[in-house]
Every structure is written in structure tokens, then in C-alpha cells.
Amino acid sequence: MSTAEQLKDHFYYADYCQWPEDERWELIEGTAYAMNAPLRIHQEIVFELAGQVRNYLQGKSCKGYVAPFDVRLPQKDEADDQIDTVVQPDLLVVCDQSKLDRKGCRGAPDWIVEILSPSTAVKDMGAKRMLYQQHGVREYWIIHPVEQWVMIYCLNEEGIYDLPSVSSLEESISVSIFENLNIEWEFLK
């Protein structure tokens, strides 16, 4: 991002697409957030989760992805260039194929997993949680890789996240929106 761009106070997907490809950014309601390289444990968890999810999704219509993968979250029907929210969840699953295009995903994935990093924890637990609820992400997991717990938010019929459940990464954890998808954590031991 150029110095001139850093002076702007509101960004859109059109701006985001012009930034250097070797930099990772997210936009939340027009505010740009730089993304740092994650810790090794973060990447181990992403790698293992992706493998388990990939195996589960074989032969199913849903598709899974890992970051970097752009998820554009429009407010209404605005053109892509005018979208001011673009996130890169650590892992996501999309079941509505019409949301997928060559750029990534336009609209809410069904399941999002964010693995906390020191630089993103507050954003993941606050702004992103509210953002994912607002856009209708059916299930949202926040994983703390060091303390080894997961906080799970599920969207209720009113479109609001119920109080989260918190589980230790020492036990198998079910993904509530997918039948028979249980995440195992032995790799952390």
C-alpha cells in the first residue's frame, strides 16, 4: 500500500486489488488491517484441520479453503469494486456454489475458523465475530493455539449467535452444521 493510500480513511475492494500481492490485508467496513506471518503452531493447526475437512468433504457439494482466500462481504448489491469488507479466514467451508467465483467467495461461508494470533486476537473475537453474525456465517470457531481451546458460535433462527461453547482441544469436537464431522486433536499432543 502506498503512502498516499495509507492516508485514506476508507478503502474498497478496488483499492485492495491494487495493493502488492506479497502483502496480506483485510478490510473491515473500509478499514485496512495488515496481516502478519502466523506462528508455527497456527500453521500446524490450519494444515491438520484442512486435511480433516478435505477428507470429510470428499464426494459432497461443499468446498473448503484456507487463507489466503478472499471472502467479500457486500452490504447489499454493490459491485465488487465498492465492497468495503474483505476477509481471509484461516479456514472456511462454502456450500452454496453460486457464492464462489475466480476471485474467491462473495457472501457468507457456512463455516469459518480463525486461529488466534497475538496481532489478530482482538479483531477475531470482536469485530469479526460481529461481522460474521451480521452476514449469516452459520458456525464460527475461534481457536486459541497456545491455551488449546476453541470457542464455538452457532447462528440461531433469529440470525444471532448463541452464547459460545468452549471446549478443550484435548477432546473430539463436532462441527454442528455438518453431520458426522468431528475434529480430532491428537496431533497437538
Protein backbone atom coordinates (compact mmCIF):
# COMPACT_ATOMS: atom_id res chain seq x y z
CA MET A 1 0.00 0.00 0.00
CA SER A 2 1.47 3.36 -0.99
CA THR A 3 1.94 6.25 1.44
CA ALA A 4 -0.84 8.15 -0.34
CA GLU A 5 -3.18 5.20 0.13
CA GLN A 6 -2.31 4.96 3.81
CA LEU A 7 -3.74 8.46 4.23
CA LYS A 8 -7.18 7.39 3.03
CA ASP A 9 -9.66 6.63 5.74
CA HIS A 10 -11.96 4.28 3.81
CA PHE A 11 -10.93 1.54 1.39
CA TYR A 12 -12.82 -0.64 -1.07
CA TYR A 13 -12.13 -3.89 -2.86
CA ALA A 14 -10.96 -1.86 -5.88
CA ASP A 15 -8.17 -0.37 -3.68
CA TYR A 16 -7.39 -3.74 -2.12
CA CYS A 17 -6.88 -5.36 -5.53
CA GLN A 18 -4.17 -2.78 -6.35
CA TRP A 19 -2.01 -3.50 -3.30
CA PRO A 20 1.17 -5.61 -3.64
CA GLU A 21 0.49 -9.33 -3.88
CA ASP A 22 3.26 -10.12 -1.40
CA GLU A 23 1.36 -8.27 1.35
CA ARG A 24 -1.69 -9.66 3.12
CA TRP A 25 -4.50 -7.31 4.12
CA GLU A 26 -8.10 -7.49 5.26
CA LEU A 27 -10.76 -4.80 5.02
CA ILE A 28 -13.45 -4.49 7.63
CA GLU A 29 -16.02 -1.83 6.86
CA GLY A 30 -13.41 0.13 4.90
CA THR A 31 -10.61 -0.06 7.46
CA ALA A 32 -7.42 -1.81 6.29
CA TYR A 33 -5.70 -4.31 8.60
CA ALA A 34 -2.24 -5.68 7.79
CA MET A 35 -1.81 -9.39 8.42
CA ASN A 36 1.45 -10.69 9.86
CA ALA A 37 3.03 -14.09 9.33
CA PRO A 38 1.48 -16.53 11.82
CA LEU A 39 3.26 -18.66 14.40
CA ARG A 40 4.28 -22.22 13.53
CA ILE A 41 1.56 -23.77 15.77
CA HIS A 42 -1.03 -21.68 13.92
CA GLN A 43 0.07 -23.22 10.62
CA GLU A 44 0.17 -26.74 12.07
CA ILE A 45 -3.45 -26.38 13.16
CA VAL A 46 -4.53 -24.96 9.78
CA PHE A 47 -2.74 -27.79 7.95
CA GLU A 48 -4.28 -30.52 10.11
CA LEU A 49 -7.79 -29.03 10.09
CA ALA A 50 -7.66 -28.62 6.31
CA GLY A 51 -6.76 -32.29 5.92
CA GLN A 52 -9.59 -33.46 8.16
CA VAL A 53 -12.11 -31.16 6.45
CA ARG A 54 -10.89 -32.15 2.97
CA ASN A 55 -11.38 -35.83 3.81
CA TYR A 56 -14.88 -35.17 5.15
CA LEU A 57 -15.94 -33.10 2.11
CA GLN A 58 -14.90 -35.70 -0.48
CA GLY A 59 -17.96 -36.51 -2.57
CA LYS A 60 -20.01 -33.65 -1.05
CA SER A 61 -21.05 -30.41 -2.73
CA CYS A 62 -19.44 -28.10 -0.14
CA LYS A 63 -15.93 -26.74 -0.78
CA GLY A 64 -13.24 -25.95 1.78
CA TYR A 65 -10.47 -23.34 1.53
CA VAL A 66 -7.59 -21.97 3.58
CA ALA A 67 -6.02 -18.50 3.69
CA PRO A 68 -5.07 -16.65 1.70
CA PHE A 69 -8.55 -16.78 0.17
CA ASP A 70 -10.67 -13.64 -0.26
CA VAL A 71 -14.16 -13.58 1.20
CA ARG A 72 -16.00 -10.46 0.01
CA LEU A 73 -18.91 -9.48 2.25
CA PRO A 74 -21.15 -6.97 0.48
CA GLN A 75 -23.67 -4.90 2.43
CA LYS A 76 -26.27 -5.07 -0.36
CA ASP A 77 -25.96 -5.47 -4.12
CA GLU A 78 -22.93 -3.22 -4.62
CA ALA A 79 -20.42 -4.07 -7.34
CA ASP A 80 -17.27 -5.88 -6.20
CA ASP A 81 -15.18 -2.72 -6.53
CA GLN A 82 -17.45 -0.99 -3.98
CA ILE A 83 -17.37 -3.73 -1.33
CA ASP A 84 -15.58 -2.44 1.76
CA THR A 85 -15.20 -5.73 3.65
CA VAL A 86 -12.82 -8.46 2.51
CA VAL A 87 -11.54 -11.04 5.00
CA GLN A 88 -9.19 -14.00 4.77
CA PRO A 89 -10.31 -16.60 7.32
CA ASP A 90 -7.81 -19.29 8.23
CA LEU A 91 -10.25 -21.99 7.08
CA LEU A 92 -13.72 -21.80 5.60
CA VAL A 93 -16.37 -24.01 4.02
CA VAL A 94 -18.87 -22.82 1.41
CA CYS A 95 -21.86 -24.98 0.45
CA ASP A 96 -23.64 -22.54 -1.90
CA GLN A 97 -21.58 -22.86 -5.10
CA SER A 98 -23.13 -19.66 -6.51
CA LYS A 99 -21.05 -17.68 -3.98
CA LEU A 100 -17.78 -18.94 -5.48
CA ASP A 101 -16.02 -17.23 -8.37
CA ARG A 102 -12.48 -16.88 -9.67
CA LYS A 103 -11.70 -14.20 -7.03
CA GLY A 104 -12.83 -16.29 -4.07
CA CYS A 105 -16.17 -16.07 -2.29
CA ARG A 106 -18.81 -13.34 -2.44
CA GLY A 107 -21.11 -13.76 0.52
CA ALA A 108 -21.02 -15.64 3.80
CA PRO A 109 -19.36 -19.04 4.03
CA ASP A 110 -21.21 -21.65 6.07
CA TRP A 111 -18.33 -22.31 8.48
CA ILE A 112 -15.33 -20.13 9.35
CA VAL A 113 -12.37 -20.98 11.58
CA GLU A 114 -9.99 -18.31 12.84
CA ILE A 115 -6.86 -19.30 14.76
CA LEU A 116 -5.81 -16.57 17.14
CA SER A 117 -2.51 -14.77 16.71
CA PRO A 118 -1.27 -12.06 19.08
CA SER A 119 -1.80 -9.42 16.38
CA THR A 120 -5.33 -10.53 15.42
CA ALA A 121 -6.95 -11.85 18.61
CA VAL A 122 -8.97 -8.75 19.47
CA LYS A 123 -10.19 -8.35 15.88
CA ASP A 124 -11.09 -12.06 15.56
CA MET A 125 -13.00 -12.14 18.85
CA GLY A 126 -14.77 -8.79 18.42
CA ALA A 127 -15.13 -7.17 15.01
CA LYS A 128 -15.01 -10.39 13.00
CA ARG A 129 -17.45 -12.20 15.28
CA MET A 130 -19.96 -9.40 14.84
CA LEU A 131 -19.25 -9.22 11.11
CA TYR A 132 -19.76 -12.96 10.63
CA GLN A 133 -23.00 -12.86 12.60
CA GLN A 134 -24.27 -9.89 10.56
CA HIS A 135 -23.55 -11.68 7.29
CA GLY A 136 -25.00 -15.04 8.36
CA VAL A 137 -21.98 -17.32 8.86
CA ARG A 138 -23.71 -20.35 10.35
CA GLU A 139 -20.85 -21.53 12.55
CA TYR A 140 -17.76 -19.63 13.67
CA TRP A 141 -14.83 -21.21 15.52
CA ILE A 142 -12.11 -19.24 17.31
CA ILE A 143 -9.13 -21.41 18.25
CA HIS A 144 -6.53 -20.39 20.81
CA PRO A 145 -3.46 -22.39 19.74
CA VAL A 146 -1.36 -21.81 22.87
CA GLU A 147 -4.00 -22.30 25.55
CA GLN A 148 -5.58 -25.03 23.38
CA TRP A 149 -9.26 -24.19 23.46
CA VAL A 150 -11.90 -23.47 20.86
CA MET A 151 -14.84 -21.08 21.24
CA ILE A 152 -17.78 -22.02 19.01
CA TYR A 153 -20.54 -19.66 17.92
CA CYS A 154 -23.65 -21.04 16.18
CA LEU A 155 -26.22 -18.86 14.42
CA ASN A 156 -29.73 -19.32 15.79
CA GLU A 157 -33.06 -18.93 13.95
CA GLU A 158 -33.12 -15.19 14.71
CA GLY A 159 -29.77 -14.73 12.94
CA ILE A 160 -27.88 -14.11 16.19
CA TYR A 161 -25.02 -16.13 17.62
CA ASP A 162 -25.98 -18.09 20.71
CA LEU A 163 -23.66 -17.85 23.69
CA PRO A 164 -20.48 -19.65 22.68
CA SER A 165 -19.49 -23.08 23.85
CA VAL A 166 -15.86 -23.51 24.84
CA SER A 167 -14.06 -26.84 24.53
CA SER A 168 -10.57 -28.08 25.19
CA LEU A 169 -8.52 -29.27 22.24
CA GLU A 170 -7.98 -32.49 24.17
CA GLU A 171 -11.31 -33.95 23.04
CA SER A 172 -13.04 -34.58 19.72
CA ILE A 173 -15.24 -31.63 18.72
CA SER A 174 -18.24 -31.86 16.38
CA VAL A 175 -18.99 -29.28 13.73
CA SER A 176 -22.70 -28.80 14.41
CA ILE A 177 -23.72 -27.80 10.88
CA PHE A 178 -22.19 -30.92 9.28
CA GLU A 179 -23.35 -34.41 10.16
CA ASN A 180 -20.56 -36.68 11.37
CA LEU A 181 -17.72 -34.14 11.07
CA ASN A 182 -15.69 -34.47 14.25
CA ILE A 183 -12.36 -32.70 14.56
CA GLU A 184 -9.65 -34.71 16.30
CA TRP A 185 -6.71 -33.03 18.06
CA GLU A 186 -4.21 -35.86 18.69
CA PHE A 187 -1.67 -34.07 16.51
CA LEU A 188 -1.26 -31.43 19.24
CA LYS A 189 -0.02 -33.93 21.82
